[in-house]
Amino acid sequence: MNRYIKYLISIAFFMSLSVGCSDDFLDEEVLDAYAPETLTDQLGFEAAAIGLHNHFSTLLTTTDDQTLLAMFQLGTDIVWAPSGRSNGNARPYFDYSTLTSTDEAARKLWTYLFKMINNANVLISNAESGEATGMTDEELNAYNAEAKFFRAYAYNMFATLYGGVPVVTEPLTAPKTDFVRNSVTEVNSLVESDLLYAITNLPNINEVTYEARVNQSMARQLLAEYYLRTDEAAKAEEQCDAIINSGNFSLVTERYGVNSSEEGDAFSDMFLFGNQRRSEGNTEAIWVMEQENPTDVTGGSSGNPQQRRIWGAAYHDVTGMVPIDTLGGRGLGRIRLNDWVLYDLYENGDMRNSQFSIHRQHYFNNPDTKYDAIRGVAIPYGEDAEFDLGNGESVKIFASDTIYKLTPYTLKWGHFDSRDTFGYGMWKDFILMRLGETYLLRAEARFKQGNASGAASDINMLRERANASTVDASDITLEFILDERARELLAEENRRMTLIRTGTLIERATTLNGTTTRADGNIETTNGLDEHNLLLPIPQTEINLNKDAVLEQNPGYN
């Protein structure tokens, strides 16, 4: 990735020189890298494509509100909100009575997606204009396909979370105040056509110039998910078949990479810093968004990713504890795995629930000599305790510490840099698509076609890798498939998207998470969820600015 980042920087530098050498650079015409007139040659197209990747990353790396990404997990079936942990933009996504048309998270997501669409439209328009010089049709089609992948990604998310939205297929070069909502069917039609084009014109994953760029299998995986949402299970299975049978991917079943000589297991190896990319040995990686610490590589990230702070426990707040690598670095416990995940989801021996994937037991670890008497001592979970330091002082542990300080947590987002023990950013890659999910998508597609035996076979591929007991056709239901997705993709998938796509959000959020505030007041669960919350509100600011047409609000919001 260092070579790729440096390549991007060189492109940006070259473009700045091109502008700087112009005789009329002081003219009051504002141009940028996404303007159509810049895309006349290979350099312009490459810069625009890289700009799309950069914009895509900004949601995942945002520090605008450290809680924002929790909107995709809270109020579902897998996590609770520790009371008082600065829920911020994510609060209305479990306290649904506060989800209104002025919701900030819904507005931020709407703006982010439409920016991505407009940036994609610039690239698409130029690729199809016939005005590019020195480029082959194959090259132009590949850039077009890369842009259409991102446009489809955005519109698929729109259709799932908002329903019908304005379909925009041309670059916007001036303010527009007469948007109208297209139907979900019209949005879906664009998603499908964009992804079919992308599949035809994107390179095989082994042929991409840089492994972080869009490849054919990414488009197939997204299309499979789309077909499941639109109840076209046979077509979804066909796309999954193409990925699984391509020979390009295999499940990680053996130890590899960094720490392979130390304690661990094959499943947790995939999520270690230095192991996530295909070039690092991850044979099931389909799409990995690469990150570099900006201290090491200028521009290595588009923000300061907060995933570790969201998912990881704030154990460093306990006297006698300090952040370390094996504990995943410094978390803040903004969300907490619920009791269903911690105690009911996994059977004994399931590798995905091992100490290397979900950390459960803490031990005092502060190296200061002051803590010699208790270093290595297990910290009790869920009860008050006091530990004598032997110098007239003691350390007190409270049962309430298990809410966010000592709660069990996933290590998938663990990352530690000894140069920054405070850990403001999380500098590790994001695995966005992998073969494990492909098997789950195909299992769902097969189940929907009445092929429970085939679905069981796909799920057993994952369960055998995890040393879990195998299942047969009689075990397969949609609920079981969603349980297996939680076991396999915990903290990876956008759980809200999955449950809305499958029509199960209300049932699972209310039965597995509960619908009231916990009696002790320290944990908040799911409150006020009803049918109208299955679609997010259209941002009121967008409705107000759209003065020349009616941009209709989703039912139930005012």
Protein backbone atom coordinates (compact mmCIF):
# COMPACT_ATOMS: atom_id res chain seq x y z
CA MET A 1 0.00 0.00 0.00
CA ASN A 2 2.93 2.40 0.57
CA ARG A 3 3.61 2.32 -3.17
CA TYR A 4 -0.04 2.97 -3.96
CA ILE A 5 -0.30 5.90 -1.51
CA LYS A 6 2.83 7.47 -2.95
CA TYR A 7 1.40 7.03 -6.43
CA LEU A 8 -1.77 8.90 -5.42
CA ILE A 9 0.27 11.70 -3.90
CA SER A 10 2.33 12.03 -7.09
CA ILE A 11 -0.86 12.36 -9.14
CA ALA A 12 -2.17 15.09 -6.86
CA PHE A 13 1.20 16.87 -7.02
CA PHE A 14 1.30 16.68 -10.83
CA MET A 15 -2.21 18.11 -11.04
CA SER A 16 -1.26 20.99 -8.74
CA LEU A 17 1.72 21.77 -10.99
CA SER A 18 -0.53 21.77 -14.03
CA VAL A 19 -2.74 24.40 -12.44
CA GLY A 20 0.13 26.36 -10.97
CA CYS A 21 1.87 26.82 -14.33
CA SER A 22 -1.21 28.28 -16.02
CA ASP A 23 -0.99 31.95 -17.07
CA ASP A 24 -4.57 32.58 -15.98
CA PHE A 25 -4.50 30.80 -12.63
CA LEU A 26 -5.82 33.90 -10.85
CA ASP A 27 -9.06 33.90 -12.83
CA GLU A 28 -12.13 33.57 -10.60
CA GLU A 29 -13.22 30.27 -12.13
CA VAL A 30 -13.10 27.50 -9.54
CA LEU A 31 -12.03 24.11 -10.86
CA ASP A 32 -11.36 20.90 -8.98
CA ALA A 33 -10.28 17.33 -9.71
CA TYR A 34 -13.87 16.20 -10.15
CA ALA A 35 -14.85 18.78 -12.80
CA PRO A 36 -15.63 17.16 -16.19
CA GLU A 37 -13.11 19.33 -18.06
CA THR A 38 -10.19 17.76 -16.18
CA LEU A 39 -10.94 14.26 -17.48
CA THR A 40 -9.39 14.35 -20.92
CA ASP A 41 -6.54 11.92 -20.45
CA GLN A 42 -5.35 8.99 -18.36
CA LEU A 43 -4.08 11.19 -15.55
CA GLY A 44 -7.42 12.93 -15.13
CA PHE A 45 -9.39 9.69 -15.13
CA GLU A 46 -7.02 8.11 -12.63
CA ALA A 47 -7.27 11.09 -10.31
CA ALA A 48 -11.08 11.04 -10.48
CA ALA A 49 -11.20 7.30 -9.77
CA ILE A 50 -8.88 7.72 -6.80
CA GLY A 51 -11.08 10.57 -5.63
CA LEU A 52 -14.03 8.19 -5.59
CA HIS A 53 -12.13 5.73 -3.41
CA ASN A 54 -11.11 8.59 -1.14
CA HIS A 55 -14.68 9.85 -0.77
CA PHE A 56 -15.97 6.34 -0.15
CA SER A 57 -13.54 5.96 2.75
CA THR A 58 -14.63 9.17 4.49
CA LEU A 59 -17.72 7.67 6.11
CA LEU A 60 -15.71 4.80 7.61
CA THR A 61 -12.94 7.10 8.82
CA THR A 62 -15.04 10.02 10.00
CA THR A 63 -14.33 11.79 13.27
CA ASP A 64 -17.15 14.29 12.74
CA ASP A 65 -19.03 12.37 15.41
CA GLN A 66 -17.22 9.43 16.98
CA THR A 67 -20.54 7.68 17.54
CA LEU A 68 -21.89 8.00 13.98
CA LEU A 69 -20.99 4.51 12.76
CA ALA A 70 -22.81 2.95 15.72
CA MET A 71 -26.06 3.85 13.90
CA PHE A 72 -25.56 0.68 11.85
CA GLN A 73 -25.31 -1.59 14.93
CA LEU A 74 -27.33 -0.10 17.80
CA GLY A 75 -31.03 -0.84 17.82
CA THR A 76 -30.49 -4.12 15.99
CA ASP A 77 -30.04 -7.52 17.66
CA ILE A 78 -26.39 -7.64 18.70
CA VAL A 79 -25.39 -4.66 20.87
CA TRP A 80 -26.58 -2.41 23.67
CA ALA A 81 -25.73 1.19 24.50
CA PRO A 82 -23.95 1.78 27.81
CA SER A 83 -25.80 4.70 29.40
CA GLY A 84 -23.89 7.96 29.31
CA ARG A 85 -21.28 6.84 26.78
CA SER A 86 -21.91 9.83 24.49
CA ASN A 87 -24.32 8.18 22.09
CA GLY A 88 -24.42 11.34 19.98
CA ASN A 89 -25.59 10.86 16.39
CA ALA A 90 -26.29 7.17 17.04
CA ARG A 91 -28.79 7.65 19.86
CA PRO A 92 -31.97 7.78 17.73
CA TYR A 93 -31.04 4.38 16.30
CA PHE A 94 -31.89 2.60 19.51
CA ASP A 95 -34.10 5.24 21.12
CA TYR A 96 -36.34 5.38 18.08
CA SER A 97 -38.81 7.82 19.61
CA THR A 98 -36.15 10.49 19.05
CA LEU A 99 -35.65 9.65 15.35
CA THR A 100 -37.13 12.61 13.49
CA SER A 101 -36.83 14.37 10.13
CA THR A 102 -34.05 16.56 11.54
CA ASP A 103 -31.88 13.57 12.49
CA GLU A 104 -28.21 14.37 11.95
CA ALA A 105 -27.04 10.84 11.12
CA ALA A 106 -29.67 10.42 8.40
CA ARG A 107 -28.66 13.81 6.98
CA LYS A 108 -24.94 13.02 7.02
CA LEU A 109 -25.48 9.66 5.33
CA TRP A 110 -27.74 11.22 2.68
CA THR A 111 -25.15 13.91 1.89
CA TYR A 112 -22.31 11.40 1.80
CA LEU A 113 -24.14 9.09 -0.62
CA PHE A 114 -25.19 11.83 -3.02
CA LYS A 115 -21.65 13.24 -3.10
CA MET A 116 -20.44 9.78 -4.05
CA ILE A 117 -23.09 9.56 -6.76
CA ASN A 118 -22.16 12.94 -8.22
CA ASN A 119 -18.45 12.11 -8.22
CA ALA A 120 -19.25 8.82 -9.94
CA ASN A 121 -21.44 10.60 -12.50
CA VAL A 122 -18.56 12.90 -13.42
CA LEU A 123 -16.36 9.93 -14.18
CA ILE A 124 -19.13 8.04 -16.01
CA SER A 125 -20.06 11.06 -18.14
CA ASN A 126 -16.49 11.63 -19.21
CA ALA A 127 -15.83 7.96 -19.91
CA GLU A 128 -18.87 7.88 -22.20
CA SER A 129 -18.26 11.28 -23.85
CA GLY A 130 -15.85 10.05 -26.52
CA GLU A 131 -13.58 13.05 -25.89
CA ALA A 132 -10.76 11.37 -23.97
CA THR A 133 -7.43 11.24 -25.80
CA GLY A 134 -4.78 8.55 -25.82
CA MET A 135 -7.01 5.96 -24.11
CA THR A 136 -8.40 2.69 -25.40
CA ASP A 137 -12.06 1.72 -25.17
CA GLU A 138 -11.07 -1.00 -22.73
CA GLU A 139 -9.44 1.53 -20.41
CA LEU A 140 -12.41 3.90 -20.58
CA ASN A 141 -14.84 1.06 -19.93
CA ALA A 142 -12.85 0.01 -16.87
CA TYR A 143 -13.00 3.52 -15.38
CA ASN A 144 -16.69 3.67 -16.25
CA ALA A 145 -17.23 0.35 -14.50
CA GLU A 146 -15.34 1.45 -11.40
CA ALA A 147 -17.54 4.54 -11.14
CA LYS A 148 -20.72 2.56 -11.74
CA PHE A 149 -19.79 0.20 -8.93
CA PHE A 150 -19.67 3.10 -6.48
CA ARG A 151 -22.87 4.62 -7.86
CA ALA A 152 -24.60 1.26 -7.45
CA TYR A 153 -23.20 0.92 -3.94
CA ALA A 154 -24.68 4.29 -2.99
CA TYR A 155 -28.07 3.68 -4.58
CA ASN A 156 -28.33 0.19 -3.09
CA MET A 157 -27.79 1.73 0.33
CA PHE A 158 -30.34 4.44 -0.45
CA ALA A 159 -32.98 1.92 -1.58
CA THR A 160 -32.43 -0.24 1.50
CA LEU A 161 -32.42 2.52 4.11
CA TYR A 162 -34.51 5.35 2.60
CA GLY A 163 -36.64 3.70 -0.09
CA GLY A 164 -37.15 5.65 -3.30
CA VAL A 165 -34.83 8.64 -3.75
CA PRO A 166 -34.00 10.98 -6.63
CA VAL A 167 -32.17 9.13 -9.41
CA VAL A 168 -29.39 11.34 -10.73
CA THR A 169 -27.28 10.04 -13.62
CA GLU A 170 -25.63 13.22 -14.87
CA PRO A 171 -23.07 15.41 -13.08
CA LEU A 172 -24.54 18.39 -11.25
CA THR A 173 -22.66 21.53 -12.24
CA ALA A 174 -25.06 24.03 -10.65
CA PRO A 175 -27.50 24.11 -7.71
CA LYS A 176 -30.66 22.06 -8.27
CA THR A 177 -33.83 22.72 -6.30
CA ASP A 178 -36.41 20.56 -8.04
CA PHE A 179 -35.56 17.01 -7.05
CA VAL A 180 -38.36 14.47 -6.91
CA ARG A 181 -38.21 10.97 -5.53
CA ASN A 182 -38.04 8.10 -7.97
CA SER A 183 -39.65 4.79 -7.08
CA VAL A 184 -37.69 1.99 -5.45
CA THR A 185 -38.18 0.03 -8.67
CA GLU A 186 -36.46 2.79 -10.66
CA VAL A 187 -33.60 2.98 -8.16
CA ASN A 188 -33.25 -0.80 -8.28
CA SER A 189 -33.13 -0.78 -12.07
CA LEU A 190 -30.13 1.57 -12.03
CA VAL A 191 -28.34 -0.50 -9.37
CA GLU A 192 -28.73 -3.67 -11.40
CA SER A 193 -27.69 -2.16 -14.73
CA ASP A 194 -24.65 -0.47 -13.17
CA LEU A 195 -23.47 -3.68 -11.53
CA LEU A 196 -24.01 -5.81 -14.63
CA TYR A 197 -21.92 -3.32 -16.58
CA ALA A 198 -19.29 -3.36 -13.86
CA ILE A 199 -19.06 -7.15 -13.87
CA THR A 200 -18.51 -7.15 -17.63
CA ASN A 201 -15.84 -4.45 -17.65
CA LEU A 202 -13.99 -4.66 -14.33
CA PRO A 203 -10.76 -6.66 -14.08
CA ASN A 204 -10.45 -9.99 -12.34
CA ILE A 205 -9.10 -9.54 -8.82
CA ASN A 206 -5.77 -11.01 -9.91
CA GLU A 207 -5.48 -8.47 -12.71
CA VAL A 208 -6.04 -5.19 -10.86
CA THR A 209 -3.07 -2.83 -10.84
CA TYR A 210 -3.48 -2.22 -7.12
CA GLU A 211 -5.29 -4.72 -4.94
CA ALA A 212 -7.34 -2.02 -3.21
CA ARG A 213 -9.08 -1.04 -6.46
CA VAL A 214 -12.52 -2.23 -7.56
CA ASN A 215 -12.58 -5.73 -9.04
CA GLN A 216 -15.19 -7.94 -10.69
CA SER A 217 -15.87 -10.05 -7.60
CA MET A 218 -16.76 -6.96 -5.56
CA ALA A 219 -19.46 -6.14 -8.11
CA ARG A 220 -20.73 -9.73 -8.06
CA GLN A 221 -20.96 -9.79 -4.26
CA LEU A 222 -22.88 -6.51 -4.18
CA LEU A 223 -25.16 -7.73 -6.96
CA ALA A 224 -25.86 -10.94 -5.04
CA GLU A 225 -26.90 -8.90 -2.01
CA TYR A 226 -29.06 -6.71 -4.27
CA TYR A 227 -30.79 -9.76 -5.81
CA LEU A 228 -31.58 -11.10 -2.35
CA ARG A 229 -33.15 -7.76 -1.44
CA THR A 230 -35.27 -7.83 -4.59
CA ASP A 231 -36.31 -11.49 -4.10
CA GLU A 232 -34.38 -12.84 -7.08
CA ALA A 233 -32.68 -15.67 -5.25
CA ALA A 234 -31.66 -17.70 -8.30
CA LYS A 235 -29.78 -14.72 -9.71
CA ALA A 236 -28.13 -14.13 -6.33
CA GLU A 237 -26.95 -17.73 -6.25
CA GLU A 238 -25.52 -17.37 -9.75
CA GLN A 239 -23.36 -14.42 -8.68
CA CYS A 240 -22.15 -16.25 -5.56
CA ASP A 241 -21.35 -19.32 -7.67
CA ALA A 242 -19.17 -17.22 -9.94
CA ILE A 243 -17.12 -15.97 -6.98
CA ILE A 244 -16.85 -19.30 -5.18
CA ASN A 245 -16.01 -21.26 -8.34
CA SER A 246 -13.59 -18.67 -9.73
CA GLY A 247 -10.59 -20.31 -8.10
CA ASN A 248 -9.48 -16.89 -6.83
CA PHE A 249 -10.53 -17.34 -3.21
CA SER A 250 -10.45 -19.90 -0.43
CA LEU A 251 -11.45 -19.85 3.21
CA VAL A 252 -8.62 -19.25 5.64
CA THR A 253 -8.30 -22.55 7.49
CA GLU A 254 -4.63 -22.52 8.55
CA ARG A 255 -2.54 -20.12 10.62
CA TYR A 256 -0.65 -17.53 8.58
CA GLY A 257 1.19 -14.23 8.65
CA VAL A 258 2.08 -12.14 11.67
CA ASN A 259 1.85 -13.90 15.03
CA SER A 260 1.37 -17.30 13.34
CA SER A 261 4.01 -18.78 15.60
CA GLU A 262 2.23 -17.46 18.70
CA GLU A 263 -1.05 -18.48 20.31
CA GLY A 264 -4.06 -17.83 18.10
CA ASP A 265 -6.27 -19.40 15.45
CA ALA A 266 -6.91 -19.19 11.74
CA PHE A 267 -10.09 -17.12 12.02
CA SER A 268 -8.63 -14.39 14.22
CA ASP A 269 -5.48 -14.25 12.08
CA MET A 270 -7.51 -12.53 9.34
CA PHE A 271 -8.12 -9.46 11.50
CA LEU A 272 -4.58 -8.84 12.69
CA PHE A 273 -2.76 -5.75 11.47
CA GLY A 274 -0.50 -6.99 8.69
CA ASN A 275 -2.70 -9.98 7.78
CA GLN A 276 -5.79 -8.47 6.18
CA ARG A 277 -4.80 -8.05 2.53
CA ARG A 278 -4.50 -10.72 -0.15
CA SER A 279 -0.84 -9.85 -0.54
CA GLU A 280 -0.44 -10.57 3.18
CA GLY A 281 -1.97 -14.05 2.93
CA ASN A 282 -5.70 -13.42 3.37
CA THR A 283 -7.03 -15.78 0.70
CA GLU A 284 -10.69 -14.96 1.30
CA ALA A 285 -10.38 -11.17 0.95
CA ILE A 286 -12.56 -9.77 -1.84
CA TRP A 287 -12.50 -6.08 -0.88
CA VAL A 288 -10.11 -4.54 1.61
CA MET A 289 -10.03 -0.78 2.13
CA GLU A 290 -6.41 -0.12 2.92
CA GLN A 291 -5.26 2.29 5.63
CA GLU A 292 -1.85 3.61 6.57
CA ASN A 293 -0.88 5.59 9.65
CA PRO A 294 -0.53 9.20 8.41
CA THR A 295 2.56 9.46 10.61
CA ASP A 296 4.20 6.93 8.30
CA VAL A 297 2.48 7.70 4.98
CA THR A 298 1.20 11.18 4.20
CA GLY A 299 -2.47 10.92 3.30
CA GLY A 300 -2.59 7.30 4.45
CA SER A 301 -6.13 7.77 5.74
CA SER A 302 -8.96 10.18 4.98
CA GLY A 303 -9.73 10.58 8.69
CA ASN A 304 -9.15 9.12 12.13
CA PRO A 305 -11.12 5.84 12.21
CA GLN A 306 -13.00 5.24 15.45
CA GLN A 307 -13.99 1.57 15.15
CA ARG A 308 -11.71 0.43 17.97
CA ARG A 309 -13.10 3.13 20.26
CA ILE A 310 -16.66 2.17 19.39
CA TRP A 311 -16.29 -1.62 19.79
CA GLY A 312 -13.44 -2.01 22.30
CA ALA A 313 -13.90 -1.85 26.07
CA ALA A 314 -12.51 1.06 28.06
CA TYR A 315 -10.43 -1.24 30.27
CA HIS A 316 -7.74 1.45 30.50
CA ASP A 317 -10.11 3.36 32.84
CA VAL A 318 -9.62 0.66 35.47
CA THR A 319 -6.83 1.36 37.94
CA GLY A 320 -4.01 -1.10 37.35
CA MET A 321 -4.70 -1.43 33.62
CA VAL A 322 -2.98 0.12 30.59
CA PRO A 323 -3.66 -0.22 26.83
CA ILE A 324 -1.68 -3.00 25.14
CA ASP A 325 -1.65 -4.77 21.80
CA THR A 326 -3.08 -8.12 22.90
CA LEU A 327 -6.10 -6.33 24.36
CA GLY A 328 -6.70 -4.43 21.12
CA GLY A 329 -5.45 -1.04 22.22
CA ARG A 330 -7.50 1.72 23.82
CA GLY A 331 -11.27 1.46 23.42
CA LEU A 332 -14.09 3.57 24.81
CA GLY A 333 -16.91 1.03 24.96
CA ARG A 334 -19.44 3.15 23.09
CA ILE A 335 -21.40 -0.02 22.31
CA ARG A 336 -21.55 -3.29 24.22
CA LEU A 337 -22.22 -6.80 22.95
CA ASN A 338 -25.55 -7.91 24.34
CA ASP A 339 -26.23 -10.99 26.44
CA TRP A 340 -27.60 -12.96 23.48
CA VAL A 341 -24.27 -12.62 21.67
CA LEU A 342 -22.15 -13.22 24.74
CA TYR A 343 -24.00 -16.19 26.22
CA ASP A 344 -26.33 -17.74 23.65
CA LEU A 345 -25.02 -17.19 20.12
CA TYR A 346 -21.97 -19.48 20.09
CA GLU A 347 -21.65 -23.10 21.09
CA ASN A 348 -18.67 -24.24 23.13
CA GLY A 349 -15.54 -24.56 21.04
CA ASP A 350 -16.62 -22.26 18.20
CA MET A 351 -13.38 -20.63 17.05
CA ARG A 352 -15.20 -17.37 16.35
CA ASN A 353 -15.83 -17.07 20.08
CA SER A 354 -12.26 -17.86 21.12
CA GLN A 355 -10.22 -15.58 23.36
CA PHE A 356 -8.51 -14.33 20.20
CA SER A 357 -11.77 -13.04 18.71
CA ILE A 358 -13.85 -12.03 21.73
CA HIS A 359 -11.94 -10.90 24.79
CA ARG A 360 -13.71 -11.78 28.04
CA GLN A 361 -11.25 -12.01 30.93
CA HIS A 362 -9.03 -9.11 32.00
CA TYR A 363 -5.93 -9.31 34.17
CA PHE A 364 -4.17 -6.40 35.86
CA ASN A 365 -1.30 -5.45 33.56
CA ASN A 366 0.16 -2.11 34.61
CA PRO A 367 3.99 -2.52 34.54
CA ASP A 368 4.56 0.12 37.22
CA THR A 369 6.22 -1.44 40.29
CA LYS A 370 3.38 0.00 42.33
CA TYR A 371 1.19 -2.77 40.94
CA ASP A 372 3.59 -5.69 41.45
CA ALA A 373 1.27 -7.32 43.98
CA ILE A 374 -1.68 -7.61 41.59
CA ARG A 375 -0.10 -7.79 38.13
CA GLY A 376 -1.44 -10.89 36.37
CA VAL A 377 -4.33 -11.28 38.81
CA ALA A 378 -7.71 -11.93 37.19
CA ILE A 379 -10.21 -9.10 37.52
CA PRO A 380 -13.66 -10.35 38.60
CA TYR A 381 -16.54 -9.78 36.22
CA GLY A 382 -19.88 -8.52 37.47
CA GLU A 383 -19.04 -8.12 41.14
CA ASP A 384 -17.46 -5.66 43.54
CA ALA A 385 -13.93 -6.45 44.73
CA GLU A 386 -10.95 -4.78 46.39
CA PHE A 387 -7.27 -5.63 45.88
CA ASP A 388 -4.53 -4.69 48.36
CA LEU A 389 -1.40 -3.23 46.73
CA GLY A 390 0.66 -3.90 49.89
CA ASN A 391 1.67 -0.27 50.30
CA GLY A 392 -1.34 1.02 52.16
CA GLU A 393 -3.30 1.50 48.94
CA SER A 394 -5.87 -0.66 47.23
CA VAL A 395 -7.67 -0.99 43.91
CA LYS A 396 -11.45 -1.20 43.93
CA ILE A 397 -13.46 -2.92 41.19
CA PHE A 398 -17.19 -2.35 40.88
CA ALA A 399 -19.85 -4.52 39.28
CA SER A 400 -20.85 -1.54 37.13
CA ASP A 401 -17.38 -1.59 35.54
CA THR A 402 -18.61 -4.48 33.40
CA ILE A 403 -20.93 -2.12 31.53
CA TYR A 404 -18.22 -0.54 29.39
CA LYS A 405 -14.84 -0.86 31.10
CA LEU A 406 -14.50 -4.62 31.51
CA THR A 407 -17.24 -5.86 29.19
CA PRO A 408 -16.34 -8.62 26.73
CA TYR A 409 -15.64 -7.18 23.27
CA THR A 410 -14.64 -8.17 19.77
CA LEU A 411 -10.95 -7.96 18.85
CA LYS A 412 -11.65 -7.60 15.11
CA TRP A 413 -11.05 -3.86 15.39
CA GLY A 414 -8.16 -4.16 17.81
CA HIS A 415 -5.12 -2.07 16.96
CA PHE A 416 -2.28 -0.68 19.06
CA ASP A 417 0.56 1.67 18.17
CA SER A 418 3.13 2.11 20.92
CA ARG A 419 3.83 5.61 19.58
CA ASP A 420 0.25 6.60 20.38
CA THR A 421 -1.11 4.75 23.40
CA PHE A 422 -4.00 7.23 23.56
CA GLY A 423 -5.06 5.78 20.21
CA TYR A 424 -7.06 8.61 18.67
CA GLY A 425 -7.13 6.90 15.29
CA MET A 426 -7.25 3.20 14.40
CA TRP A 427 -4.74 2.60 11.62
CA LYS A 428 -5.61 -0.79 10.23
CA ASP A 429 -7.35 -2.02 7.10
CA PHE A 430 -11.09 -2.56 6.69
CA ILE A 431 -12.18 -5.96 5.37
CA LEU A 432 -15.37 -5.00 3.54
CA MET A 433 -16.09 -8.19 1.59
CA ARG A 434 -14.75 -11.70 2.01
CA LEU A 435 -15.55 -15.23 0.95
CA GLY A 436 -17.09 -16.12 4.30
CA GLU A 437 -19.98 -13.78 3.53
CA THR A 438 -20.27 -15.13 -0.02
CA TYR A 439 -21.13 -18.55 1.41
CA LEU A 440 -23.71 -16.95 3.69
CA LEU A 441 -25.29 -15.05 0.80
CA ARG A 442 -25.47 -18.24 -1.23
CA ALA A 443 -26.96 -20.13 1.70
CA GLU A 444 -29.68 -17.49 1.93
CA ALA A 445 -30.29 -17.67 -1.82
CA ARG A 446 -30.51 -21.47 -1.75
CA PHE A 447 -32.84 -21.44 1.25
CA LYS A 448 -35.17 -19.00 -0.49
CA GLN A 449 -35.36 -21.43 -3.43
CA GLY A 450 -36.24 -24.35 -1.17
CA ASN A 451 -32.76 -25.87 -1.28
CA ALA A 452 -32.21 -26.23 2.47
CA SER A 453 -29.64 -28.99 1.92
CA GLY A 454 -27.52 -26.72 -0.26
CA ALA A 455 -27.85 -23.92 2.29
CA ALA A 456 -26.68 -26.26 5.05
CA SER A 457 -23.68 -27.26 2.94
CA ASP A 458 -22.63 -23.62 2.56
CA ILE A 459 -23.06 -22.88 6.24
CA ASN A 460 -21.11 -25.99 7.16
CA MET A 461 -18.14 -24.65 5.21
CA LEU A 462 -17.93 -21.90 7.82
CA ARG A 463 -18.85 -24.03 10.80
CA GLU A 464 -16.23 -26.65 9.96
CA ARG A 465 -13.62 -23.91 9.68
CA ALA A 466 -14.73 -22.67 13.11
CA ASN A 467 -14.71 -26.17 14.68
CA ALA A 468 -18.44 -25.83 15.35
CA SER A 469 -20.87 -28.71 14.96
CA THR A 470 -22.29 -29.14 11.49
CA VAL A 471 -25.98 -28.72 10.65
CA ASP A 472 -28.38 -30.40 8.26
CA ALA A 473 -31.28 -29.23 6.11
CA SER A 474 -33.81 -29.44 8.94
CA ASP A 475 -31.85 -26.83 10.91
CA ILE A 476 -31.98 -24.19 8.19
CA THR A 477 -34.32 -21.25 8.60
CA LEU A 478 -33.84 -17.57 7.81
CA GLU A 479 -33.39 -16.99 11.54
CA PHE A 480 -30.58 -19.56 11.65
CA ILE A 481 -28.86 -17.96 8.66
CA LEU A 482 -29.04 -14.56 10.37
CA ASP A 483 -27.64 -16.11 13.56
CA GLU A 484 -24.78 -17.56 11.53
CA ARG A 485 -24.13 -14.17 9.93
CA ALA A 486 -23.80 -12.73 13.43
CA ARG A 487 -21.39 -15.49 14.43
CA GLU A 488 -19.25 -15.05 11.31
CA LEU A 489 -19.54 -11.33 10.54
CA LEU A 490 -19.90 -9.79 14.00
CA ALA A 491 -18.58 -6.20 13.88
CA GLU A 492 -17.87 -6.52 10.14
CA GLU A 493 -21.26 -6.32 8.46
CA ASN A 494 -23.65 -3.40 8.52
CA ARG A 495 -26.14 -5.22 10.73
CA ARG A 496 -28.91 -2.67 10.20
CA MET A 497 -28.68 -3.10 6.42
CA THR A 498 -28.86 -6.90 6.78
CA LEU A 499 -31.91 -6.91 9.04
CA ILE A 500 -33.80 -4.33 7.00
CA ARG A 501 -32.97 -6.17 3.77
CA THR A 502 -34.34 -9.41 5.23
CA GLY A 503 -37.37 -7.78 6.85
CA THR A 504 -36.38 -8.96 10.33
CA LEU A 505 -35.25 -5.82 12.17
CA ILE A 506 -38.30 -5.36 14.40
CA GLU A 507 -38.65 -9.02 15.35
CA ARG A 508 -34.99 -9.57 16.14
CA ALA A 509 -34.35 -6.21 17.80
CA THR A 510 -37.30 -6.62 20.13
CA THR A 511 -36.85 -10.30 20.98
CA LEU A 512 -33.04 -10.52 21.20
CA ASN A 513 -32.28 -7.04 22.50
CA GLY A 514 -35.36 -6.21 24.55
CA THR A 515 -37.45 -3.07 24.28
CA THR A 516 -36.98 -1.29 27.58
CA THR A 517 -34.21 0.34 29.54
CA ARG A 518 -32.49 -2.14 31.85
CA ALA A 519 -33.61 -1.92 35.46
CA ASP A 520 -30.12 -0.96 36.68
CA GLY A 521 -30.16 2.07 34.38
CA ASN A 522 -26.67 1.40 33.05
CA ILE A 523 -27.65 -0.28 29.79
CA GLU A 524 -30.10 1.04 27.23
CA THR A 525 -31.70 -1.34 24.77
CA THR A 526 -34.20 -0.78 21.95
CA ASN A 527 -36.99 1.69 22.61
CA GLY A 528 -39.90 2.87 20.46
CA LEU A 529 -39.15 0.83 17.32
CA ASP A 530 -42.09 0.43 14.94
CA GLU A 531 -42.79 -0.13 11.24
CA HIS A 532 -42.14 3.43 10.08
CA ASN A 533 -38.56 3.22 11.40
CA LEU A 534 -37.71 0.64 8.75
CA LEU A 535 -37.03 3.62 6.48
CA LEU A 536 -34.89 6.55 7.58
CA PRO A 537 -36.30 10.06 7.38
CA ILE A 538 -35.57 12.15 4.32
CA PRO A 539 -33.49 15.01 5.80
CA GLN A 540 -35.69 18.01 6.50
CA THR A 541 -32.92 20.31 5.30
CA GLU A 542 -33.09 18.68 1.85
CA ILE A 543 -36.85 19.07 1.75
CA ASN A 544 -36.59 22.74 2.71
CA LEU A 545 -33.90 23.54 0.13
CA ASN A 546 -35.79 21.78 -2.65
CA LYS A 547 -38.03 24.82 -3.21
CA ASP A 548 -39.10 24.12 -6.79
CA ALA A 549 -40.56 20.65 -6.31
CA VAL A 550 -41.90 18.42 -3.56
CA LEU A 551 -39.40 16.01 -2.05
CA GLU A 552 -41.76 13.77 -0.14
CA GLN A 553 -41.01 12.67 3.41
CA ASN A 554 -41.18 9.01 4.42
CA PRO A 555 -44.36 8.13 6.36
CA GLY A 556 -44.29 8.63 10.13
CA TYR A 557 -41.79 11.52 10.24
CA ASN A 558 -42.65 15.18 10.60
